């Protein structure tokens, strides 16, 4: 735990249902909750590490026993993380076709996790129009419970709206809706050609999906590799 005790934020990723992920993830999350990170902001003070769990559930063909173990692990993990995002592997069938290889399917799921997590961290470390600090992120994600993560990317005409709608309707998530969400974190990423109008239209499209009183934290970042495209997370 020496490696995390001075951290401000911790992401825990695991595949639930087996021995390693199901057993280790809650233990690490509990240790993080009990640890204290000294934050030298307005004087030294102790503060809990903001902990986010991003995990997967087994395929249906892996059997009832493995799914039951996963559910018990999720229940235990939920006790100790601030925010928990669950992606059922079974939902990979929604984006796969007959030619999708087993390896490709898992790569798709990994990409969703990676882009979603990067959507949070980029807001703090990447140059942009609107950057956030750790306190902004903490406002939305601390003690938030279950959450969803969605990412959409588009190019061409109406790319900003298309990216926002793709993020809203993430097919890998299960029984989770943005309707009624009390907090939301929006990251809009594009190249140097991304316009103010596009940022506004994408943000407003996402806002339409949540409670009008929801706490919305918004940021926009630049990535030259995204020239011609817009990504909404």
Protein backbone atom coordinates (compact mmCIF):
# COMPACT_ATOMS: atom_id res chain seq x y z
CA UNK A 1 0.00 0.00 0.00
CA UNK A 2 3.06 2.24 0.07
CA UNK A 3 2.51 2.88 -3.64
CA UNK A 4 -0.95 4.42 -3.19
CA UNK A 5 -0.93 6.08 0.22
CA UNK A 6 0.07 9.47 -1.21
CA UNK A 7 -2.27 9.27 -4.20
CA UNK A 8 -5.19 11.61 -4.74
CA UNK A 9 -7.07 9.31 -7.11
CA UNK A 10 -7.03 5.58 -7.78
CA UNK A 11 -8.60 3.56 -10.61
CA UNK A 12 -9.15 -0.15 -9.95
CA UNK A 13 -9.81 -2.30 -13.01
CA UNK A 14 -10.61 -6.00 -12.75
CA UNK A 15 -12.47 -8.88 -14.32
CA UNK A 16 -14.94 -10.10 -11.71
CA UNK A 17 -15.89 -13.75 -11.29
CA UNK A 18 -12.44 -15.29 -10.92
CA UNK A 19 -10.19 -15.50 -7.90
CA UNK A 20 -7.76 -12.65 -8.58
CA UNK A 21 -10.04 -9.79 -9.60
CA UNK A 22 -12.91 -10.72 -7.30
CA UNK A 23 -10.63 -11.23 -4.33
CA UNK A 24 -8.08 -8.46 -4.80
CA UNK A 25 -10.20 -5.54 -6.01
CA UNK A 26 -12.23 -5.09 -2.79
CA UNK A 27 -9.09 -5.50 -0.65
CA UNK A 28 -7.27 -2.77 -2.58
CA UNK A 29 -10.32 -0.50 -2.49
CA UNK A 30 -10.68 -0.97 1.27
CA UNK A 31 -7.00 -0.19 1.80
CA UNK A 32 -7.35 2.96 -0.30
CA UNK A 33 -10.37 4.11 1.70
CA UNK A 34 -8.51 3.60 4.95
CA UNK A 35 -5.36 5.31 3.69
CA UNK A 36 -4.90 9.03 3.86
CA UNK A 37 -3.32 11.25 1.26
CA UNK A 38 -1.90 14.53 2.47
CA UNK A 39 -3.19 17.26 0.21
CA UNK A 40 -1.26 20.49 0.50
CA UNK A 41 -4.01 22.80 -0.56
CA UNK A 42 -4.93 25.65 1.76
CA UNK A 43 -2.67 24.05 4.34
CA UNK A 44 -1.84 20.38 4.86
CA UNK A 45 -4.83 18.21 5.61
CA UNK A 46 -5.78 14.58 5.46
CA UNK A 47 -8.12 13.39 2.78
CA UNK A 48 -9.39 10.07 1.49
CA UNK A 49 -8.15 8.79 -1.83
CA UNK A 50 -10.83 9.16 -4.50
CA UNK A 51 -11.31 5.56 -5.66
CA UNK A 52 -13.04 4.52 -8.88
CA UNK A 53 -13.76 0.90 -9.78
CA UNK A 54 -14.06 -0.01 -13.48
CA UNK A 55 -14.79 -3.73 -13.77
CA UNK A 56 -16.30 -6.37 -16.05
CA UNK A 57 -18.79 -9.17 -15.39
CA UNK A 58 -18.47 -12.67 -16.94
CA UNK A 59 -19.98 -13.88 -20.21
CA UNK A 60 -23.20 -15.85 -19.86
CA UNK A 61 -21.49 -19.00 -21.12
CA UNK A 62 -19.08 -18.89 -18.16
CA UNK A 63 -21.86 -20.23 -15.97
CA UNK A 64 -24.08 -19.34 -13.04
CA UNK A 65 -21.44 -20.05 -10.40
CA UNK A 66 -18.93 -17.60 -11.86
CA UNK A 67 -21.63 -14.95 -12.23
CA UNK A 68 -22.67 -15.45 -8.61
CA UNK A 69 -19.06 -15.01 -7.48
CA UNK A 70 -18.84 -11.84 -9.57
CA UNK A 71 -22.01 -10.40 -8.02
CA UNK A 72 -20.72 -11.08 -4.51
CA UNK A 73 -17.43 -9.42 -5.43
CA UNK A 74 -19.24 -6.39 -6.82
CA UNK A 75 -21.31 -6.10 -3.66
CA UNK A 76 -18.13 -6.10 -1.57
CA UNK A 77 -16.30 -3.69 -3.89
CA UNK A 78 -19.23 -1.25 -3.83
CA UNK A 79 -18.69 -0.74 -0.10
CA UNK A 80 -15.27 0.83 -0.55
CA UNK A 81 -15.15 2.68 -3.88
CA UNK A 82 -16.52 6.17 -4.46
CA UNK A 83 -17.75 5.35 -7.95
CA UNK A 84 -18.32 1.93 -9.56
CA UNK A 85 -18.66 1.31 -13.29
CA UNK A 86 -19.64 -2.21 -14.39
CA UNK A 87 -19.43 -3.50 -17.96
CA UNK A 88 -20.98 -6.95 -18.59
CA UNK A 89 -18.91 -8.95 -21.08
CA UNK A 90 -22.16 -10.44 -22.38
CA UNK A 91 -22.98 -7.06 -23.91
CA UNK A 92 -20.03 -7.41 -26.27
CA UNK A 93 -22.46 -9.38 -28.46
CA UNK A 94 -24.28 -6.09 -29.12
CA UNK A 95 -21.30 -4.68 -31.00
CA UNK A 96 -19.85 -7.91 -32.40
CA UNK A 97 -20.66 -9.77 -35.60
CA UNK A 98 -19.95 -13.27 -36.88
CA UNK A 99 -16.44 -12.25 -37.95
CA UNK A 100 -15.45 -10.61 -34.65
CA UNK A 101 -12.70 -12.68 -33.08
CA UNK A 102 -12.60 -13.49 -29.38
CA UNK A 103 -9.50 -11.31 -29.00
CA UNK A 104 -11.11 -8.41 -30.89
CA UNK A 105 -14.15 -8.48 -28.61
CA UNK A 106 -12.04 -8.09 -25.49
CA UNK A 107 -10.04 -5.33 -27.17
CA UNK A 108 -13.27 -3.44 -27.75
CA UNK A 109 -14.14 -3.66 -24.05
CA UNK A 110 -10.62 -2.62 -23.06
CA UNK A 111 -10.85 0.39 -25.35
CA UNK A 112 -14.06 1.53 -23.68
CA UNK A 113 -12.38 1.33 -20.27
CA UNK A 114 -9.23 3.08 -21.49
CA UNK A 115 -10.96 5.93 -23.31
CA UNK A 116 -13.40 6.48 -20.46
CA UNK A 117 -10.68 6.65 -17.82
CA UNK A 118 -8.55 8.85 -20.06
CA UNK A 119 -11.56 11.12 -20.50
CA UNK A 120 -11.35 11.86 -16.78
CA UNK A 121 -7.59 12.22 -16.47
CA UNK A 122 -7.19 14.29 -19.66
CA UNK A 123 -9.38 16.99 -18.15
CA UNK A 124 -6.71 17.55 -15.53
CA UNK A 125 -3.49 17.06 -17.49
CA UNK A 126 -4.13 17.84 -21.18
CA UNK A 127 -4.11 21.40 -22.56
CA UNK A 128 -7.55 22.65 -23.43
CA UNK A 129 -10.15 25.37 -23.62
CA UNK A 130 -11.62 24.44 -20.25
CA UNK A 131 -9.41 22.48 -17.87
CA UNK A 132 -10.44 21.08 -14.51
CA UNK A 133 -8.53 20.36 -11.33
CA UNK A 134 -8.82 17.44 -8.94
CA UNK A 135 -11.36 19.24 -6.76
CA UNK A 136 -13.74 19.54 -9.72
CA UNK A 137 -13.49 15.81 -10.45
CA UNK A 138 -13.94 14.94 -6.79
CA UNK A 139 -17.12 17.00 -6.59
CA UNK A 140 -18.85 14.67 -9.05
CA UNK A 141 -17.23 11.32 -8.30
CA UNK A 142 -16.82 11.25 -4.51
CA UNK A 143 -19.30 8.86 -2.81
CA UNK A 144 -21.35 8.77 -6.00
CA UNK A 145 -22.09 5.01 -6.08
CA UNK A 146 -22.87 3.32 -9.39
CA UNK A 147 -22.09 5.20 -12.57
CA UNK A 148 -22.04 4.76 -16.32
CA UNK A 149 -19.29 5.58 -18.78
CA UNK A 150 -19.93 6.39 -22.40
CA UNK A 151 -17.69 7.51 -25.24
CA UNK A 152 -18.55 8.54 -28.76
CA UNK A 153 -16.38 9.72 -31.65
CA UNK A 154 -17.48 11.13 -34.99
CA UNK A 155 -16.33 13.08 -38.04
CA UNK A 156 -17.98 14.94 -40.87
CA UNK A 157 -21.17 16.97 -40.71
CA UNK A 158 -22.81 17.24 -37.27
CA UNK A 159 -19.85 15.36 -35.78
CA UNK A 160 -20.27 16.92 -32.33
CA UNK A 161 -23.92 15.89 -31.98
CA UNK A 162 -23.20 12.44 -33.40
CA UNK A 163 -20.36 11.91 -30.92
CA UNK A 164 -22.55 13.03 -28.02
CA UNK A 165 -25.38 10.67 -29.00
CA UNK A 166 -22.95 7.77 -29.37
CA UNK A 167 -21.64 8.45 -25.87
CA UNK A 168 -25.16 8.55 -24.44
CA UNK A 169 -26.15 5.20 -25.99
CA UNK A 170 -23.13 3.07 -25.07
CA UNK A 171 -24.20 -0.51 -25.95
CA UNK A 172 -21.75 -2.12 -23.54
CA UNK A 173 -23.49 -0.82 -20.44
CA UNK A 174 -26.30 -2.72 -18.79
CA UNK A 175 -29.50 -1.29 -17.30
CA UNK A 176 -27.95 2.11 -16.66
CA UNK A 177 -29.49 5.36 -17.83
CA UNK A 178 -28.39 8.97 -17.52
CA UNK A 179 -31.95 9.94 -16.70
CA UNK A 180 -32.06 11.16 -13.13
CA UNK A 181 -28.28 11.34 -12.75
CA UNK A 182 -27.33 13.73 -9.96
CA UNK A 183 -23.81 14.35 -11.22
CA UNK A 184 -22.14 14.18 -14.61
CA UNK A 185 -18.65 14.77 -15.96
CA UNK A 186 -18.40 15.79 -19.63
CA UNK A 187 -15.18 15.85 -21.64
CA UNK A 188 -15.20 17.05 -25.25
CA UNK A 189 -11.97 16.46 -27.18
CA UNK A 190 -11.02 17.61 -30.64
CA UNK A 191 -8.24 18.96 -32.81
CA UNK A 192 -7.47 22.58 -33.53
CA UNK A 193 -10.45 22.73 -35.89
CA UNK A 194 -13.00 22.08 -33.13
CA UNK A 195 -15.32 25.09 -32.91
CA UNK A 196 -17.02 26.79 -29.99
CA UNK A 197 -20.40 25.99 -31.55
CA UNK A 198 -19.54 22.28 -31.64
CA UNK A 199 -18.51 22.26 -28.00
CA UNK A 200 -21.75 24.03 -27.07
CA UNK A 201 -23.98 21.71 -29.11
CA UNK A 202 -22.34 18.53 -27.78
CA UNK A 203 -22.54 19.67 -24.16
CA UNK A 204 -26.18 20.70 -24.50
CA UNK A 205 -27.10 17.37 -26.12
CA UNK A 206 -25.72 15.53 -23.09
CA UNK A 207 -27.41 17.96 -20.68
CA UNK A 208 -30.78 17.07 -22.22
CA UNK A 209 -30.43 13.56 -20.80
CA UNK A 210 -29.99 14.45 -17.12
CA UNK A 211 -31.93 16.09 -14.33
CA UNK A 212 -31.99 19.88 -14.66
CA UNK A 213 -30.61 20.15 -11.12
CA UNK A 214 -27.74 17.71 -11.73
CA UNK A 215 -24.22 18.81 -10.85
CA UNK A 216 -22.53 19.08 -14.26
CA UNK A 217 -18.76 19.46 -14.51
CA UNK A 218 -17.60 20.27 -18.02
CA UNK A 219 -14.23 20.40 -19.74
CA UNK A 220 -12.86 20.63 -23.28
CA UNK A 221 -9.40 19.47 -24.34
CA UNK A 222 -7.25 19.57 -27.46
CA UNK A 223 -5.54 16.61 -29.10
CA UNK A 224 -3.88 17.24 -32.46
CA UNK A 225 -4.35 13.56 -33.33
CA UNK A 226 -8.11 14.27 -33.29
CA UNK A 227 -7.98 16.72 -36.20
CA UNK A 228 -11.21 16.33 -38.17
CA UNK A 229 -12.90 14.38 -35.38
CA UNK A 230 -14.69 15.08 -32.10
CA UNK A 231 -14.85 12.76 -29.10
CA UNK A 232 -17.37 13.09 -26.27
CA UNK A 233 -16.93 11.19 -22.99
